[in-house]
Amino acid sequence: MHTQSTVNEFIMTKPQLKVKSVLELLIKSHNVHKLQISILKFQFVCLLT
């Protein structure tokens, strides 16, 4: 499934990311497009911290 592979790649690129954070993104995201936007926003926040 595309969404799952996207999440797996995201976890691989952000090893410090907690699983709970990914689950929260998935819960908030109703489709792949929203998930990708959420990941981009989350990556941006990670860069700022």
PDB file of N, CA and C in Angstrom:
ATOM      1  N   MET A   1       0.842  -1.200   0.000  1.00  0.00           N
ATOM      2  CA  MET A   1       0.000   0.000   0.000  1.00  0.00           C
ATOM      3  C   MET A   1       0.878   1.253   0.000  1.00  0.00           C
ATOM      4  N   HIS A   2       0.526   2.209  -0.827  1.00  0.00           N
ATOM      5  CA  HIS A   2       1.372   3.383  -0.996  1.00  0.00           C
ATOM      6  C   HIS A   2       1.524   4.167   0.310  1.00  0.00           C
ATOM      7  N   THR A   3       0.427   4.331   1.024  1.00  0.00           N
ATOM      8  CA  THR A   3       0.469   5.102   2.267  1.00  0.00           C
ATOM      9  C   THR A   3       1.436   4.459   3.259  1.00  0.00           C
ATOM     10  N   GLN A   4       1.365   3.142   3.388  1.00  0.00           N
ATOM     11  CA  GLN A   4       2.238   2.439   4.330  1.00  0.00           C
ATOM     12  C   GLN A   4       3.708   2.617   3.955  1.00  0.00           C
ATOM     13  N   SER A   5       4.021   2.494   2.662  1.00  0.00           N
ATOM     14  CA  SER A   5       5.407   2.643   2.236  1.00  0.00           C
ATOM     15  C   SER A   5       5.894   4.070   2.476  1.00  0.00           C
ATOM     16  N   THR A   6       5.011   5.049   2.295  1.00  0.00           N
ATOM     17  CA  THR A   6       5.377   6.440   2.557  1.00  0.00           C
ATOM     18  C   THR A   6       5.727   6.627   4.028  1.00  0.00           C
ATOM     19  N   VAL A   7       4.902   6.050   4.892  1.00  0.00           N
ATOM     20  CA  VAL A   7       5.158   6.148   6.331  1.00  0.00           C
ATOM     21  C   VAL A   7       6.452   5.434   6.692  1.00  0.00           C
ATOM     22  N   ASN A   8       6.682   4.272   6.110  1.00  0.00           N
ATOM     23  CA  ASN A   8       7.912   3.528   6.388  1.00  0.00           C
ATOM     24  C   ASN A   8       9.146   4.328   5.977  1.00  0.00           C
ATOM     25  N   GLU A   9       9.086   4.953   4.819  1.00  0.00           N
ATOM     26  CA  GLU A   9      10.207   5.769   4.363  1.00  0.00           C
ATOM     27  C   GLU A   9      10.418   6.955   5.295  1.00  0.00           C
ATOM     28  N   PHE A  10       9.315   7.530   5.758  1.00  0.00           N
ATOM     29  CA  PHE A  10       9.402   8.670   6.671  1.00  0.00           C
ATOM     30  C   PHE A  10      10.065   8.253   7.978  1.00  0.00           C
ATOM     31  N   ILE A  11       9.679   7.076   8.499  1.00  0.00           N
ATOM     32  CA  ILE A  11      10.270   6.579   9.738  1.00  0.00           C
ATOM     33  C   ILE A  11      11.764   6.318   9.538  1.00  0.00           C
ATOM     34  N   MET A  12      12.110   5.765   8.371  1.00  0.00           N
ATOM     35  CA  MET A  12      13.511   5.464   8.097  1.00  0.00           C
ATOM     36  C   MET A  12      14.355   6.738   8.023  1.00  0.00           C
ATOM     37  N   THR A  13      13.764   7.810   7.485  1.00  0.00           N
ATOM     38  CA  THR A  13      14.519   9.052   7.354  1.00  0.00           C
ATOM     39  C   THR A  13      14.521   9.863   8.646  1.00  0.00           C
ATOM     40  N   LYS A  14      13.584   9.534   9.551  1.00  0.00           N
ATOM     41  CA  LYS A  14      13.512  10.233  10.831  1.00  0.00           C
ATOM     42  C   LYS A  14      13.501   9.198  11.961  1.00  0.00           C
ATOM     43  N   PRO A  15      14.652   8.559  12.250  1.00  0.00           N
ATOM     44  CA  PRO A  15      14.670   7.493  13.249  1.00  0.00           C
ATOM     45  C   PRO A  15      14.265   7.949  14.640  1.00  0.00           C
ATOM     46  N   GLN A  16      14.424   9.235  14.925  1.00  0.00           N
ATOM     47  CA  GLN A  16      14.058   9.723  16.256  1.00  0.00           C
ATOM     48  C   GLN A  16      12.555   9.925  16.404  1.00  0.00           C
ATOM     49  N   LEU A  17      11.844   9.791  15.273  1.00  0.00           N
ATOM     50  CA  LEU A  17      10.397   9.985  15.309  1.00  0.00           C
ATOM     51  C   LEU A  17       9.723   8.857  16.083  1.00  0.00           C
ATOM     52  N   LYS A  18       8.819   9.232  16.964  1.00  0.00           N
ATOM     53  CA  LYS A  18       8.097   8.226  17.737  1.00  0.00           C
ATOM     54  C   LYS A  18       6.939   7.663  16.920  1.00  0.00           C
ATOM     55  N   VAL A  19       6.656   6.384  17.143  1.00  0.00           N
ATOM     56  CA  VAL A  19       5.560   5.738  16.420  1.00  0.00           C
ATOM     57  C   VAL A  19       4.247   6.460  16.685  1.00  0.00           C
ATOM     58  N   LYS A  20       4.071   6.930  17.902  1.00  0.00           N
ATOM     59  CA  LYS A  20       2.835   7.636  18.255  1.00  0.00           C
ATOM     60  C   LYS A  20       2.608   8.838  17.342  1.00  0.00           C
ATOM     61  N   SER A  21       3.672   9.545  17.023  1.00  0.00           N
ATOM     62  CA  SER A  21       3.550  10.712  16.148  1.00  0.00           C
ATOM     63  C   SER A  21       3.054  10.304  14.770  1.00  0.00           C
ATOM     64  N   VAL A  22       3.563   9.177  14.261  1.00  0.00           N
ATOM     65  CA  VAL A  22       3.122   8.692  12.953  1.00  0.00           C
ATOM     66  C   VAL A  22       1.650   8.304  13.012  1.00  0.00           C
ATOM     67  N   LEU A  23       1.272   7.620  14.087  1.00  0.00           N
ATOM     68  CA  LEU A  23      -0.121   7.212  14.233  1.00  0.00           C
ATOM     69  C   LEU A  23      -1.033   8.433  14.292  1.00  0.00           C
ATOM     70  N   GLU A  24      -0.587   9.480  14.975  1.00  0.00           N
ATOM     71  CA  GLU A  24      -1.392  10.702  15.048  1.00  0.00           C
ATOM     72  C   GLU A  24      -1.550  11.318  13.663  1.00  0.00           C
ATOM     73  N   LEU A  25      -0.476  11.294  12.878  1.00  0.00           N
ATOM     74  CA  LEU A  25      -0.573  11.809  11.506  1.00  0.00           C
ATOM     75  C   LEU A  25      -1.566  10.993  10.700  1.00  0.00           C
ATOM     76  N   LEU A  26      -1.501   9.667  10.862  1.00  0.00           N
ATOM     77  CA  LEU A  26      -2.405   8.793  10.108  1.00  0.00           C
ATOM     78  C   LEU A  26      -3.854   9.026  10.514  1.00  0.00           C
ATOM     79  N   ILE A  27      -4.070   9.190  11.824  1.00  0.00           N
ATOM     80  CA  ILE A  27      -5.434   9.411  12.314  1.00  0.00           C
ATOM     81  C   ILE A  27      -5.993  10.722  11.766  1.00  0.00           C
ATOM     82  N   LYS A  28      -5.154  11.744  11.718  1.00  0.00           N
ATOM     83  CA  LYS A  28      -5.607  13.050  11.233  1.00  0.00           C
ATOM     84  C   LYS A  28      -5.762  13.064   9.711  1.00  0.00           C
ATOM     85  N   SER A  29      -5.083  12.139   9.038  1.00  0.00           N
ATOM     86  CA  SER A  29      -5.081  12.149   7.578  1.00  0.00           C
ATOM     87  C   SER A  29      -6.098  11.169   7.024  1.00  0.00           C
ATOM     88  N   HIS A  30      -6.993  11.661   6.196  1.00  0.00           N
ATOM     89  CA  HIS A  30      -8.045  10.808   5.644  1.00  0.00           C
ATOM     90  C   HIS A  30      -7.673  10.270   4.274  1.00  0.00           C
ATOM     91  N   ASN A  31      -6.600  10.763   3.709  1.00  0.00           N
ATOM     92  CA  ASN A  31      -6.124  10.220   2.429  1.00  0.00           C
ATOM     93  C   ASN A  31      -4.627  10.480   2.276  1.00  0.00           C
ATOM     94  N   VAL A  32      -4.046   9.907   1.240  1.00  0.00           N
ATOM     95  CA  VAL A  32      -2.600   9.993   1.051  1.00  0.00           C
ATOM     96  C   VAL A  32      -2.153  11.445   0.869  1.00  0.00           C
ATOM     97  N   HIS A  33      -2.936  12.223   0.157  1.00  0.00           N
ATOM     98  CA  HIS A  33      -2.553  13.619  -0.086  1.00  0.00           C
ATOM     99  C   HIS A  33      -2.413  14.378   1.228  1.00  0.00           C
ATOM    100  N   LYS A  34      -3.395  14.239   2.100  1.00  0.00           N
ATOM    101  CA  LYS A  34      -3.330  14.914   3.399  1.00  0.00           C
ATOM    102  C   LYS A  34      -2.174  14.368   4.231  1.00  0.00           C
ATOM    103  N   LEU A  35      -1.919  13.066   4.126  1.00  0.00           N
ATOM    104  CA  LEU A  35      -0.807  12.471   4.874  1.00  0.00           C
ATOM    105  C   LEU A  35       0.510  13.084   4.432  1.00  0.00           C
ATOM    106  N   GLN A  36       0.680  13.226   3.118  1.00  0.00           N
ATOM    107  CA  GLN A  36       1.923  13.794   2.594  1.00  0.00           C
ATOM    108  C   GLN A  36       2.094  15.240   3.060  1.00  0.00           C
ATOM    109  N   ILE A  37       1.014  15.997   3.076  1.00  0.00           N
ATOM    110  CA  ILE A  37       1.076  17.373   3.560  1.00  0.00           C
ATOM    111  C   ILE A  37       1.452  17.390   5.036  1.00  0.00           C
ATOM    112  N   SER A  38       0.855  16.487   5.812  1.00  0.00           N
ATOM    113  CA  SER A  38       1.157  16.408   7.241  1.00  0.00           C
ATOM    114  C   SER A  38       2.626  16.068   7.465  1.00  0.00           C
ATOM    115  N   ILE A  39       3.147  15.136   6.657  1.00  0.00           N
ATOM    116  CA  ILE A  39       4.555  14.754   6.780  1.00  0.00           C
ATOM    117  C   ILE A  39       5.454  15.940   6.434  1.00  0.00           C
ATOM    118  N   LEU A  40       5.117  16.661   5.384  1.00  0.00           N
ATOM    119  CA  LEU A  40       5.921  17.826   5.011  1.00  0.00           C
ATOM    120  C   LEU A  40       5.917  18.867   6.126  1.00  0.00           C
ATOM    121  N   LYS A  41       4.753  19.109   6.714  1.00  0.00           N
ATOM    122  CA  LYS A  41       4.661  20.065   7.809  1.00  0.00           C
ATOM    123  C   LYS A  41       5.469  19.578   9.010  1.00  0.00           C
ATOM    124  N   PHE A  42       5.368  18.265   9.276  1.00  0.00           N
ATOM    125  CA  PHE A  42       6.080  17.711  10.426  1.00  0.00           C
ATOM    126  C   PHE A  42       7.592  17.804  10.220  1.00  0.00           C
ATOM    127  N   GLN A  43       8.055  17.512   8.990  1.00  0.00           N
ATOM    128  CA  GLN A  43       9.480  17.616   8.686  1.00  0.00           C
ATOM    129  C   GLN A  43       9.951  19.062   8.847  1.00  0.00           C
ATOM    130  N   PHE A  44       9.122  19.998   8.446  1.00  0.00           N
ATOM    131  CA  PHE A  44       9.473  21.404   8.575  1.00  0.00           C
ATOM    132  C   PHE A  44       9.617  21.790  10.045  1.00  0.00           C
ATOM    133  N   VAL A  45       8.689  21.307  10.870  1.00  0.00           N
ATOM    134  CA  VAL A  45       8.758  21.568  12.308  1.00  0.00           C
ATOM    135  C   VAL A  45      10.019  20.941  12.899  1.00  0.00           C
ATOM    136  N   CYS A  46      10.358  19.731  12.443  1.00  0.00           N
ATOM    137  CA  CYS A  46      11.573  19.059  12.929  1.00  0.00           C
ATOM    138  C   CYS A  46      12.815  19.884  12.593  1.00  0.00           C
ATOM    139  N   LEU A  47      12.816  20.514  11.426  1.00  0.00           N
ATOM    140  CA  LEU A  47      13.961  21.325  11.020  1.00  0.00           C
ATOM    141  C   LEU A  47      14.103  22.555  11.916  1.00  0.00           C
ATOM    142  N   LEU A  48      12.988  23.061  12.395  1.00  0.00           N
ATOM    143  CA  LEU A  48      13.022  24.269  13.214  1.00  0.00           C
ATOM    144  C   LEU A  48      13.422  23.986  14.658  1.00  0.00           C
ATOM    145  N   THR A  49      13.224  22.767  15.109  1.00  0.00           N
ATOM    146  CA  THR A  49      13.521  22.446  16.513  1.00  0.00           C
ATOM    147  C   THR A  49      14.956  22.013  16.697  1.00  0.00           C
TER     148      THR A  49
END
